[in-house]
């Protein structure tokens, strides 16, 4: 919304000034016609005086005034339509700002929820890692054999080297190789100094 220090003059005011100027001009011309009639010879007719002075007739003045009134009404209607549009735009802008605030609040709440869930998931994984670590290697190796290599590598990376070695020793050679490749390549794409 744009605020202006100086408000533009309304079309009604401008039309009023124009009408006043026309009336003053007309009265001056009528005054000069009166002088011309008084000083002209008696055989001059009113029609000739009107033609010579270029003065508008009453019918022309009425027609001009009617046109000005019509134009003033049109301008008033346009002004009202513009005011309605401006109000609608201001309402739309307010609605958009409100929706943006709501969206930002929902986004912040979602980020907090994701953070809490991630923290809880990480705690659950650590607890499960501790469970596998506390088991005997011969008992946990069959479980790791059934896991996908990526999943098993995730747990083994969090375990102490001694516990991880015992479990790897109990895996089949194919599974142990797949887990080793994943563990070795986990940080291969990490940026180097």
Protein backbone atom coordinates (compact mmCIF):
# COMPACT_ATOMS: atom_id res chain seq x y z
CA UNK A 1 0.00 0.00 0.00
CA UNK A 2 1.44 3.35 -1.00
CA UNK A 3 1.05 6.36 1.28
CA UNK A 4 1.35 9.81 -0.21
CA UNK A 5 1.98 13.04 1.67
CA UNK A 6 -0.15 15.14 -0.67
CA UNK A 7 -3.51 13.84 -1.72
CA UNK A 8 -4.45 14.51 -5.36
CA UNK A 9 -7.39 16.84 -5.90
CA UNK A 10 -10.60 15.01 -6.64
CA UNK A 11 -12.06 15.04 -10.15
CA UNK A 12 -15.18 16.76 -8.77
CA UNK A 13 -13.10 19.71 -7.60
CA UNK A 14 -11.37 19.98 -10.96
CA UNK A 15 -14.68 19.84 -12.81
CA UNK A 16 -16.10 22.54 -10.56
CA UNK A 17 -13.15 24.81 -11.36
CA UNK A 18 -13.56 24.15 -15.11
CA UNK A 19 -17.30 24.92 -14.97
CA UNK A 20 -16.63 28.12 -13.03
CA UNK A 21 -14.06 29.20 -15.61
CA UNK A 22 -16.51 28.48 -18.43
CA UNK A 23 -19.22 30.50 -16.71
CA UNK A 24 -16.87 33.44 -16.13
CA UNK A 25 -15.72 33.26 -19.75
CA UNK A 26 -19.29 33.11 -20.96
CA UNK A 27 -20.35 36.07 -18.86
CA UNK A 28 -17.41 38.10 -20.17
CA UNK A 29 -18.37 37.25 -23.73
CA UNK A 30 -22.00 38.10 -23.04
CA UNK A 31 -20.84 41.44 -21.61
CA UNK A 32 -18.82 42.13 -24.74
CA UNK A 33 -21.82 41.15 -26.87
CA UNK A 34 -23.96 43.63 -24.93
CA UNK A 35 -21.43 46.36 -25.65
CA UNK A 36 -21.29 45.37 -29.31
CA UNK A 37 -25.12 45.39 -29.52
CA UNK A 38 -25.31 48.81 -27.92
CA UNK A 39 -22.73 50.25 -30.29
CA UNK A 40 -23.88 48.46 -33.46
CA UNK A 41 -26.36 49.90 -35.90
CA UNK A 42 -30.02 48.93 -35.28
CA UNK A 43 -30.26 46.81 -38.43
CA UNK A 44 -27.85 44.18 -36.87
CA UNK A 45 -29.67 41.10 -35.69
CA UNK A 46 -28.93 38.95 -32.66
CA UNK A 47 -27.86 36.09 -34.91
CA UNK A 48 -25.18 38.21 -36.55
CA UNK A 49 -23.91 39.36 -33.15
CA UNK A 50 -23.69 35.73 -31.99
CA UNK A 51 -21.74 34.82 -35.12
CA UNK A 52 -19.37 37.77 -34.82
CA UNK A 53 -18.60 37.34 -31.10
CA UNK A 54 -18.35 33.51 -31.22
CA UNK A 55 -20.47 33.21 -28.07
CA UNK A 56 -22.10 29.90 -27.26
CA UNK A 57 -25.88 29.74 -27.19
CA UNK A 58 -27.88 28.65 -24.14
CA UNK A 59 -28.50 25.26 -25.76
CA UNK A 60 -24.77 24.73 -26.29
CA UNK A 61 -24.02 25.78 -22.72
CA UNK A 62 -26.66 23.37 -21.40
CA UNK A 63 -25.24 20.61 -23.56
CA UNK A 64 -21.73 21.34 -22.26
CA UNK A 65 -22.93 21.37 -18.66
CA UNK A 66 -24.74 18.05 -19.21
CA UNK A 67 -21.56 16.54 -20.67
CA UNK A 68 -19.56 17.77 -17.69
CA UNK A 69 -22.09 16.28 -15.26
CA UNK A 70 -21.98 12.97 -17.11
CA UNK A 71 -18.19 12.97 -17.04
CA UNK A 72 -18.23 13.81 -13.32
CA UNK A 73 -20.50 10.81 -12.67
CA UNK A 74 -18.20 8.55 -14.71
CA UNK A 75 -15.18 9.76 -12.78
CA UNK A 76 -16.98 9.18 -9.48
CA UNK A 77 -17.80 5.61 -10.54
CA UNK A 78 -14.20 4.99 -11.60
CA UNK A 79 -12.96 6.41 -8.30
CA UNK A 80 -15.31 4.10 -6.38
CA UNK A 81 -14.17 1.08 -8.41
CA UNK A 82 -10.53 1.95 -7.75
CA UNK A 83 -11.24 2.28 -4.04
CA UNK A 84 -12.88 -1.17 -4.06
CA UNK A 85 -9.92 -2.67 -5.90
CA UNK A 86 -7.48 -1.03 -3.50
CA UNK A 87 -9.42 -2.43 -0.54
CA UNK A 88 -9.48 -5.90 -2.11
CA UNK A 89 -5.72 -5.75 -2.75
CA UNK A 90 -5.05 -4.63 0.83
CA UNK A 91 -7.18 -7.52 2.14
CA UNK A 92 -5.38 -9.98 -0.13
CA UNK A 93 -2.01 -8.67 1.04
CA UNK A 94 -3.05 -9.03 4.67
CA UNK A 95 -4.28 -12.59 4.01
CA UNK A 96 -1.01 -13.50 2.31
CA UNK A 97 1.05 -12.11 5.19
CA UNK A 98 -1.09 -14.02 7.69
CA UNK A 99 -0.68 -17.24 5.69
CA UNK A 100 3.09 -16.69 5.51
CA UNK A 101 3.22 -16.28 9.30
CA UNK A 102 1.22 -19.48 9.75
CA UNK A 103 3.44 -21.31 7.29
CA UNK A 104 6.60 -20.17 9.08
CA UNK A 105 5.15 -21.27 12.42
CA UNK A 106 4.21 -24.68 10.99
CA UNK A 107 7.67 -25.01 9.44
CA UNK A 108 9.34 -24.23 12.77
CA UNK A 109 7.12 -26.77 14.54
CA UNK A 110 7.90 -29.40 11.88
CA UNK A 111 11.63 -28.75 12.20
CA UNK A 112 11.37 -29.18 15.96
CA UNK A 113 9.43 -32.43 15.53
CA UNK A 114 11.98 -33.76 13.04
CA UNK A 115 14.79 -32.85 15.43
CA UNK A 116 13.03 -34.65 18.30
CA UNK A 117 12.32 -37.71 16.15
CA UNK A 118 15.90 -37.79 14.87
CA UNK A 119 17.19 -37.59 18.41
CA UNK A 120 14.85 -40.34 19.53
CA UNK A 121 15.80 -42.53 16.56
CA UNK A 122 19.48 -42.01 17.26
CA UNK A 123 18.91 -42.98 20.91
CA UNK A 124 17.03 -46.11 19.82
CA UNK A 125 19.86 -47.08 17.44
CA UNK A 126 22.47 -46.54 20.13
CA UNK A 127 20.49 -48.67 22.56
CA UNK A 128 20.10 -51.45 19.99
CA UNK A 129 23.82 -51.22 19.21
CA UNK A 130 24.57 -51.65 22.90
CA UNK A 131 22.29 -54.71 22.99
CA UNK A 132 24.10 -56.32 20.02
CA UNK A 133 27.44 -55.39 21.54
CA UNK A 134 26.57 -57.04 24.86
CA UNK A 135 25.51 -60.27 23.12
CA UNK A 136 27.97 -63.04 22.45
CA UNK A 137 29.40 -62.82 18.92
CA UNK A 138 28.20 -66.34 18.03
CA UNK A 139 24.61 -65.32 18.96
CA UNK A 140 24.55 -61.94 17.21
CA UNK A 141 26.39 -63.03 14.01
CA UNK A 142 23.35 -64.93 12.62
CA UNK A 143 21.24 -61.76 13.08
CA UNK A 144 23.81 -59.68 11.18
CA UNK A 145 23.91 -62.33 8.45
CA UNK A 146 20.20 -61.72 7.77
CA UNK A 147 20.51 -57.91 7.77
CA UNK A 148 21.27 -55.97 4.62
CA UNK A 149 24.95 -55.10 4.34
CA UNK A 150 24.23 -51.33 4.72
CA UNK A 151 22.13 -51.88 7.85
CA UNK A 152 24.70 -54.23 9.42
CA UNK A 153 27.53 -51.79 8.60
CA UNK A 154 25.67 -49.02 10.41
CA UNK A 155 25.57 -51.02 13.64
CA UNK A 156 29.12 -52.35 13.35
CA UNK A 157 30.48 -48.81 12.83
CA UNK A 158 29.02 -47.78 16.19
CA UNK A 159 30.36 -50.79 18.09
CA UNK A 160 33.71 -51.15 19.77
CA UNK A 161 36.32 -52.73 17.46
CA UNK A 162 36.49 -55.87 19.63
CA UNK A 163 32.74 -56.55 19.49
CA UNK A 164 32.56 -55.71 15.76
CA UNK A 165 35.49 -58.06 15.02
CA UNK A 166 33.79 -60.95 16.85
CA UNK A 167 30.58 -60.46 14.86
CA UNK A 168 32.46 -60.10 11.53
CA UNK A 169 34.29 -63.36 12.27
CA UNK A 170 30.94 -65.15 12.59
CA UNK A 171 29.62 -63.86 9.23
CA UNK A 172 29.91 -65.65 5.91
CA UNK A 173 32.81 -64.45 3.77
CA UNK A 174 30.45 -62.82 1.20
CA UNK A 175 28.57 -60.91 3.89
CA UNK A 176 31.74 -59.89 5.75
CA UNK A 177 33.24 -58.63 2.46
CA UNK A 178 30.09 -56.58 1.60
CA UNK A 179 30.00 -55.01 5.07
CA UNK A 180 33.74 -54.26 4.90
CA UNK A 181 33.35 -52.50 1.53
CA UNK A 182 30.55 -50.34 2.92
CA UNK A 183 32.49 -49.50 6.07
CA UNK A 184 35.60 -48.63 4.06
CA UNK A 185 33.69 -46.43 1.62
CA UNK A 186 31.52 -44.54 4.14
CA UNK A 187 33.85 -41.54 4.28
CA UNK A 188 35.37 -41.87 0.80
CA UNK A 189 33.35 -38.90 -0.49
CA UNK A 190 33.99 -36.72 2.57
CA UNK A 191 35.87 -33.50 1.76
CA UNK A 192 39.57 -33.59 2.44
CA UNK A 193 41.59 -30.65 3.74
